[in-house]
Amino acid sequence: MLGDSFTSAVQVPDQETFIAVMEKELGKCAALKNKKVEGVNFGVDGYGTAQQLLTLREKV
């Protein structure tokens, strides 16, 4: 996931971030049976669209 402070979510426990919830819920999906789902958090506080695009191009 790319994003700003909402994505980085440093103010909540890791298991309660929307990325962790997404991993858990996708893990229950029948279409993904026997496949590991892993969300990777590229959220950075203060990032805007331009910084997110650079992160996408250079690191993701």
PDB file of N, CA and C in Angstrom:
ATOM      1  N   MET A   1       0.824  -1.170   0.000  1.00  0.00           N
ATOM      2  CA  MET A   1       0.000   0.000   0.000  1.00  0.00           C
ATOM      3  C   MET A   1       0.877   1.246   0.000  1.00  0.00           C
ATOM      4  N   LEU A   2       0.535   2.156  -0.840  1.00  0.00           N
ATOM      5  CA  LEU A   2       1.171   3.461  -0.854  1.00  0.00           C
ATOM      6  C   LEU A   2       0.255   4.441  -0.147  1.00  0.00           C
ATOM      7  N   GLY A   3       0.834   5.408   0.529  1.00  0.00           N
ATOM      8  CA  GLY A   3      -0.016   6.397   1.165  1.00  0.00           C
ATOM      9  C   GLY A   3       0.736   7.313   2.098  1.00  0.00           C
ATOM     10  N   ASP A   4      -0.040   8.017   2.890  1.00  0.00           N
ATOM     11  CA  ASP A   4       0.507   8.992   3.830  1.00  0.00           C
ATOM     12  C   ASP A   4       0.358   8.458   5.253  1.00  0.00           C
ATOM     13  N   SER A   5       0.117   9.337   6.208  1.00  0.00           N
ATOM     14  CA  SER A   5       0.034   8.929   7.609  1.00  0.00           C
ATOM     15  C   SER A   5      -1.123   7.968   7.876  1.00  0.00           C
ATOM     16  N   PHE A   6      -2.197   8.050   7.096  1.00  0.00           N
ATOM     17  CA  PHE A   6      -3.300   7.106   7.283  1.00  0.00           C
ATOM     18  C   PHE A   6      -2.851   5.686   6.948  1.00  0.00           C
ATOM     19  N   THR A   7      -1.994   5.562   5.970  1.00  0.00           N
ATOM     20  CA  THR A   7      -1.485   4.252   5.571  1.00  0.00           C
ATOM     21  C   THR A   7      -0.394   3.773   6.524  1.00  0.00           C
ATOM     22  N   SER A   8       0.520   4.659   6.901  1.00  0.00           N
ATOM     23  CA  SER A   8       1.596   4.246   7.804  1.00  0.00           C
ATOM     24  C   SER A   8       1.036   3.838   9.159  1.00  0.00           C
ATOM     25  N   ALA A   9      -0.001   4.540   9.621  1.00  0.00           N
ATOM     26  CA  ALA A   9      -0.773   4.162  10.813  1.00  0.00           C
ATOM     27  C   ALA A   9       0.086   3.858  12.034  1.00  0.00           C
ATOM     28  N   VAL A  10       1.076   4.704  12.289  1.00  0.00           N
ATOM     29  CA  VAL A  10       1.965   4.468  13.428  1.00  0.00           C
ATOM     30  C   VAL A  10       1.249   4.609  14.768  1.00  0.00           C
ATOM     31  N   GLN A  11       0.063   5.199  14.778  1.00  0.00           N
ATOM     32  CA  GLN A  11      -0.653   5.438  16.021  1.00  0.00           C
ATOM     33  C   GLN A  11      -1.500   4.252  16.477  1.00  0.00           C
ATOM     34  N   VAL A  12      -1.558   3.196  15.691  1.00  0.00           N
ATOM     35  CA  VAL A  12      -2.341   2.016  16.073  1.00  0.00           C
ATOM     36  C   VAL A  12      -1.444   0.774  16.035  1.00  0.00           C
ATOM     37  N   PRO A  13      -1.800  -0.262  16.795  1.00  0.00           N
ATOM     38  CA  PRO A  13      -1.012  -1.503  16.757  1.00  0.00           C
ATOM     39  C   PRO A  13      -1.000  -2.097  15.342  1.00  0.00           C
ATOM     40  N   ASP A  14       0.094  -2.734  14.984  1.00  0.00           N
ATOM     41  CA  ASP A  14       0.256  -3.300  13.637  1.00  0.00           C
ATOM     42  C   ASP A  14      -0.916  -4.191  13.227  1.00  0.00           C
ATOM     43  N   GLN A  15      -1.397  -5.021  14.127  1.00  0.00           N
ATOM     44  CA  GLN A  15      -2.460  -5.956  13.781  1.00  0.00           C
ATOM     45  C   GLN A  15      -3.807  -5.271  13.561  1.00  0.00           C
ATOM     46  N   GLU A  16      -3.899  -3.965  13.864  1.00  0.00           N
ATOM     47  CA  GLU A  16      -5.153  -3.241  13.678  1.00  0.00           C
ATOM     48  C   GLU A  16      -5.129  -2.294  12.475  1.00  0.00           C
ATOM     49  N   THR A  17      -4.039  -2.239  11.750  1.00  0.00           N
ATOM     50  CA  THR A  17      -3.993  -1.383  10.569  1.00  0.00           C
ATOM     51  C   THR A  17      -4.865  -1.973   9.479  1.00  0.00           C
ATOM     52  N   PHE A  18      -5.304  -1.128   8.553  1.00  0.00           N
ATOM     53  CA  PHE A  18      -6.163  -1.662   7.494  1.00  0.00           C
ATOM     54  C   PHE A  18      -5.407  -2.637   6.605  1.00  0.00           C
ATOM     55  N   ILE A  19      -4.103  -2.525   6.546  1.00  0.00           N
ATOM     56  CA  ILE A  19      -3.314  -3.476   5.751  1.00  0.00           C
ATOM     57  C   ILE A  19      -3.345  -4.854   6.417  1.00  0.00           C
ATOM     58  N   ALA A  20      -3.202  -4.905   7.726  1.00  0.00           N
ATOM     59  CA  ALA A  20      -3.264  -6.177   8.444  1.00  0.00           C
ATOM     60  C   ALA A  20      -4.654  -6.794   8.339  1.00  0.00           C
ATOM     61  N   VAL A  21      -5.684  -5.959   8.430  1.00  0.00           N
ATOM     62  CA  VAL A  21      -7.053  -6.452   8.306  1.00  0.00           C
ATOM     63  C   VAL A  21      -7.283  -6.986   6.893  1.00  0.00           C
ATOM     64  N   MET A  22      -6.766  -6.286   5.892  1.00  0.00           N
ATOM     65  CA  MET A  22      -6.897  -6.732   4.507  1.00  0.00           C
ATOM     66  C   MET A  22      -6.236  -8.100   4.319  1.00  0.00           C
ATOM     67  N   GLU A  23      -5.024  -8.258   4.850  1.00  0.00           N
ATOM     68  CA  GLU A  23      -4.336  -9.552   4.756  1.00  0.00           C
ATOM     69  C   GLU A  23      -5.195 -10.662   5.355  1.00  0.00           C
ATOM     70  N   LYS A  24      -5.714 -10.413   6.542  1.00  0.00           N
ATOM     71  CA  LYS A  24      -6.524 -11.416   7.237  1.00  0.00           C
ATOM     72  C   LYS A  24      -7.771 -11.780   6.436  1.00  0.00           C
ATOM     73  N   GLU A  25      -8.473 -10.767   5.943  1.00  0.00           N
ATOM     74  CA  GLU A  25      -9.710 -11.015   5.203  1.00  0.00           C
ATOM     75  C   GLU A  25      -9.441 -11.687   3.855  1.00  0.00           C
ATOM     76  N   LEU A  26      -8.400 -11.265   3.155  1.00  0.00           N
ATOM     77  CA  LEU A  26      -8.070 -11.915   1.883  1.00  0.00           C
ATOM     78  C   LEU A  26      -7.619 -13.355   2.102  1.00  0.00           C
ATOM     79  N   GLY A  27      -7.000 -13.623   3.264  1.00  0.00           N
ATOM     80  CA  GLY A  27      -6.598 -14.979   3.594  1.00  0.00           C
ATOM     81  C   GLY A  27      -7.779 -15.929   3.733  1.00  0.00           C
ATOM     82  N   LYS A  28      -8.955 -15.377   3.999  1.00  0.00           N
ATOM     83  CA  LYS A  28     -10.172 -16.179   4.119  1.00  0.00           C
ATOM     84  C   LYS A  28     -10.854 -16.402   2.767  1.00  0.00           C
ATOM     85  N   CYS A  29     -10.422 -15.730   1.755  1.00  0.00           N
ATOM     86  CA  CYS A  29     -11.068 -15.773   0.440  1.00  0.00           C
ATOM     87  C   CYS A  29     -10.850 -17.135  -0.229  1.00  0.00           C
ATOM     88  N   ALA A  30     -11.937 -17.745  -0.651  1.00  0.00           N
ATOM     89  CA  ALA A  30     -11.859 -19.068  -1.284  1.00  0.00           C
ATOM     90  C   ALA A  30     -11.048 -19.040  -2.580  1.00  0.00           C
ATOM     91  N   ALA A  31     -11.080 -17.933  -3.299  1.00  0.00           N
ATOM     92  CA  ALA A  31     -10.343 -17.825  -4.563  1.00  0.00           C
ATOM     93  C   ALA A  31      -8.831 -17.815  -4.340  1.00  0.00           C
ATOM     94  N   LEU A  32      -8.409 -17.498  -3.124  1.00  0.00           N
ATOM     95  CA  LEU A  32      -6.977 -17.455  -2.813  1.00  0.00           C
ATOM     96  C   LEU A  32      -6.548 -18.622  -1.935  1.00  0.00           C
ATOM     97  N   LYS A  33      -7.332 -19.669  -1.933  1.00  0.00           N
ATOM     98  CA  LYS A  33      -7.052 -20.835  -1.096  1.00  0.00           C
ATOM     99  C   LYS A  33      -5.627 -21.335  -1.331  1.00  0.00           C
ATOM    100  N   ASN A  34      -4.931 -21.645  -0.235  1.00  0.00           N
ATOM    101  CA  ASN A  34      -3.555 -22.152  -0.248  1.00  0.00           C
ATOM    102  C   ASN A  34      -2.534 -21.138  -0.771  1.00  0.00           C
ATOM    103  N   LYS A  35      -2.881 -19.871  -0.765  1.00  0.00           N
ATOM    104  CA  LYS A  35      -1.933 -18.837  -1.177  1.00  0.00           C
ATOM    105  C   LYS A  35      -1.703 -17.880  -0.018  1.00  0.00           C
ATOM    106  N   LYS A  36      -0.464 -17.469   0.148  1.00  0.00           N
ATOM    107  CA  LYS A  36      -0.129 -16.520   1.202  1.00  0.00           C
ATOM    108  C   LYS A  36      -0.402 -15.105   0.703  1.00  0.00           C
ATOM    109  N   VAL A  37      -1.109 -14.340   1.510  1.00  0.00           N
ATOM    110  CA  VAL A  37      -1.395 -12.945   1.195  1.00  0.00           C
ATOM    111  C   VAL A  37      -0.542 -12.088   2.112  1.00  0.00           C
ATOM    112  N   GLU A  38       0.229 -11.180   1.535  1.00  0.00           N
ATOM    113  CA  GLU A  38       1.080 -10.303   2.330  1.00  0.00           C
ATOM    114  C   GLU A  38       0.904  -8.868   1.851  1.00  0.00           C
ATOM    115  N   GLY A  39       0.516  -8.004   2.770  1.00  0.00           N
ATOM    116  CA  GLY A  39       0.430  -6.576   2.474  1.00  0.00           C
ATOM    117  C   GLY A  39       1.725  -5.904   2.887  1.00  0.00           C
ATOM    118  N   VAL A  40       2.235  -5.042   2.054  1.00  0.00           N
ATOM    119  CA  VAL A  40       3.472  -4.326   2.361  1.00  0.00           C
ATOM    120  C   VAL A  40       3.128  -2.847   2.489  1.00  0.00           C
ATOM    121  N   ASN A  41       3.542  -2.253   3.584  1.00  0.00           N
ATOM    122  CA  ASN A  41       3.182  -0.876   3.897  1.00  0.00           C
ATOM    123  C   ASN A  41       4.280   0.089   3.452  1.00  0.00           C
ATOM    124  N   PHE A  42       3.972   0.885   2.445  1.00  0.00           N
ATOM    125  CA  PHE A  42       4.872   1.928   1.973  1.00  0.00           C
ATOM    126  C   PHE A  42       4.341   3.305   2.354  1.00  0.00           C
ATOM    127  N   GLY A  43       3.527   3.379   3.391  1.00  0.00           N
ATOM    128  CA  GLY A  43       2.990   4.650   3.851  1.00  0.00           C
ATOM    129  C   GLY A  43       4.043   5.455   4.595  1.00  0.00           C
ATOM    130  N   VAL A  44       4.080   6.754   4.328  1.00  0.00           N
ATOM    131  CA  VAL A  44       5.022   7.658   4.994  1.00  0.00           C
ATOM    132  C   VAL A  44       4.268   8.923   5.390  1.00  0.00           C
ATOM    133  N   ASP A  45       4.399   9.315   6.660  1.00  0.00           N
ATOM    134  CA  ASP A  45       3.742  10.531   7.126  1.00  0.00           C
ATOM    135  C   ASP A  45       4.120  11.718   6.255  1.00  0.00           C
ATOM    136  N   GLY A  46       3.124  12.474   5.836  1.00  0.00           N
ATOM    137  CA  GLY A  46       3.359  13.688   5.074  1.00  0.00           C
ATOM    138  C   GLY A  46       3.523  13.501   3.578  1.00  0.00           C
ATOM    139  N   TYR A  47       3.521  12.277   3.099  1.00  0.00           N
ATOM    140  CA  TYR A  47       3.686  12.056   1.666  1.00  0.00           C
ATOM    141  C   TYR A  47       2.443  12.503   0.905  1.00  0.00           C
ATOM    142  N   GLY A  48       2.679  13.124  -0.232  1.00  0.00           N
ATOM    143  CA  GLY A  48       1.613  13.483  -1.151  1.00  0.00           C
ATOM    144  C   GLY A  48       1.680  12.570  -2.364  1.00  0.00           C
ATOM    145  N   THR A  49       0.863  12.880  -3.337  1.00  0.00           N
ATOM    146  CA  THR A  49       0.773  12.041  -4.526  1.00  0.00           C
ATOM    147  C   THR A  49       2.098  11.933  -5.269  1.00  0.00           C
ATOM    148  N   ALA A  50       2.835  13.033  -5.371  1.00  0.00           N
ATOM    149  CA  ALA A  50       4.110  13.012  -6.098  1.00  0.00           C
ATOM    150  C   ALA A  50       5.121  12.085  -5.423  1.00  0.00           C
ATOM    151  N   GLN A  51       5.229  12.173  -4.107  1.00  0.00           N
ATOM    152  CA  GLN A  51       6.160  11.298  -3.386  1.00  0.00           C
ATOM    153  C   GLN A  51       5.723   9.841  -3.479  1.00  0.00           C
ATOM    154  N   GLN A  52       4.431   9.606  -3.453  1.00  0.00           N
ATOM    155  CA  GLN A  52       3.932   8.244  -3.569  1.00  0.00           C
ATOM    156  C   GLN A  52       4.252   7.670  -4.945  1.00  0.00           C
ATOM    157  N   LEU A  53       4.128   8.481  -5.979  1.00  0.00           N
ATOM    158  CA  LEU A  53       4.470   8.029  -7.322  1.00  0.00           C
ATOM    159  C   LEU A  53       5.955   7.689  -7.434  1.00  0.00           C
ATOM    160  N   LEU A  54       6.807   8.508  -6.855  1.00  0.00           N
ATOM    161  CA  LEU A  54       8.248   8.219  -6.858  1.00  0.00           C
ATOM    162  C   LEU A  54       8.542   6.931  -6.098  1.00  0.00           C
ATOM    163  N   THR A  55       7.879   6.736  -4.969  1.00  0.00           N
ATOM    164  CA  THR A  55       8.060   5.501  -4.213  1.00  0.00           C
ATOM    165  C   THR A  55       7.628   4.303  -5.035  1.00  0.00           C
ATOM    166  N   LEU A  56       6.500   4.414  -5.712  1.00  0.00           N
ATOM    167  CA  LEU A  56       6.009   3.342  -6.572  1.00  0.00           C
ATOM    168  C   LEU A  56       7.030   3.003  -7.634  1.00  0.00           C
ATOM    169  N   ARG A  57       7.549   4.011  -8.293  1.00  0.00           N
ATOM    170  CA  ARG A  57       8.503   3.785  -9.386  1.00  0.00           C
ATOM    171  C   ARG A  57       9.847   3.250  -8.918  1.00  0.00           C
ATOM    172  N   GLU A  58      10.306   3.692  -7.751  1.00  0.00           N
ATOM    173  CA  GLU A  58      11.660   3.370  -7.315  1.00  0.00           C
ATOM    174  C   GLU A  58      11.757   2.210  -6.343  1.00  0.00           C
ATOM    175  N   LYS A  59      10.680   1.916  -5.600  1.00  0.00           N
ATOM    176  CA  LYS A  59      10.818   0.923  -4.538  1.00  0.00           C
ATOM    177  C   LYS A  59       9.812  -0.224  -4.587  1.00  0.00           C
ATOM    178  N   VAL A  60       8.713  -0.022  -5.279  1.00  0.00           N
ATOM    179  CA  VAL A  60       7.670  -1.056  -5.232  1.00  0.00           C
ATOM    180  C   VAL A  60       7.819  -2.017  -6.383  1.00  0.00           C
TER     181      VAL A  60
END
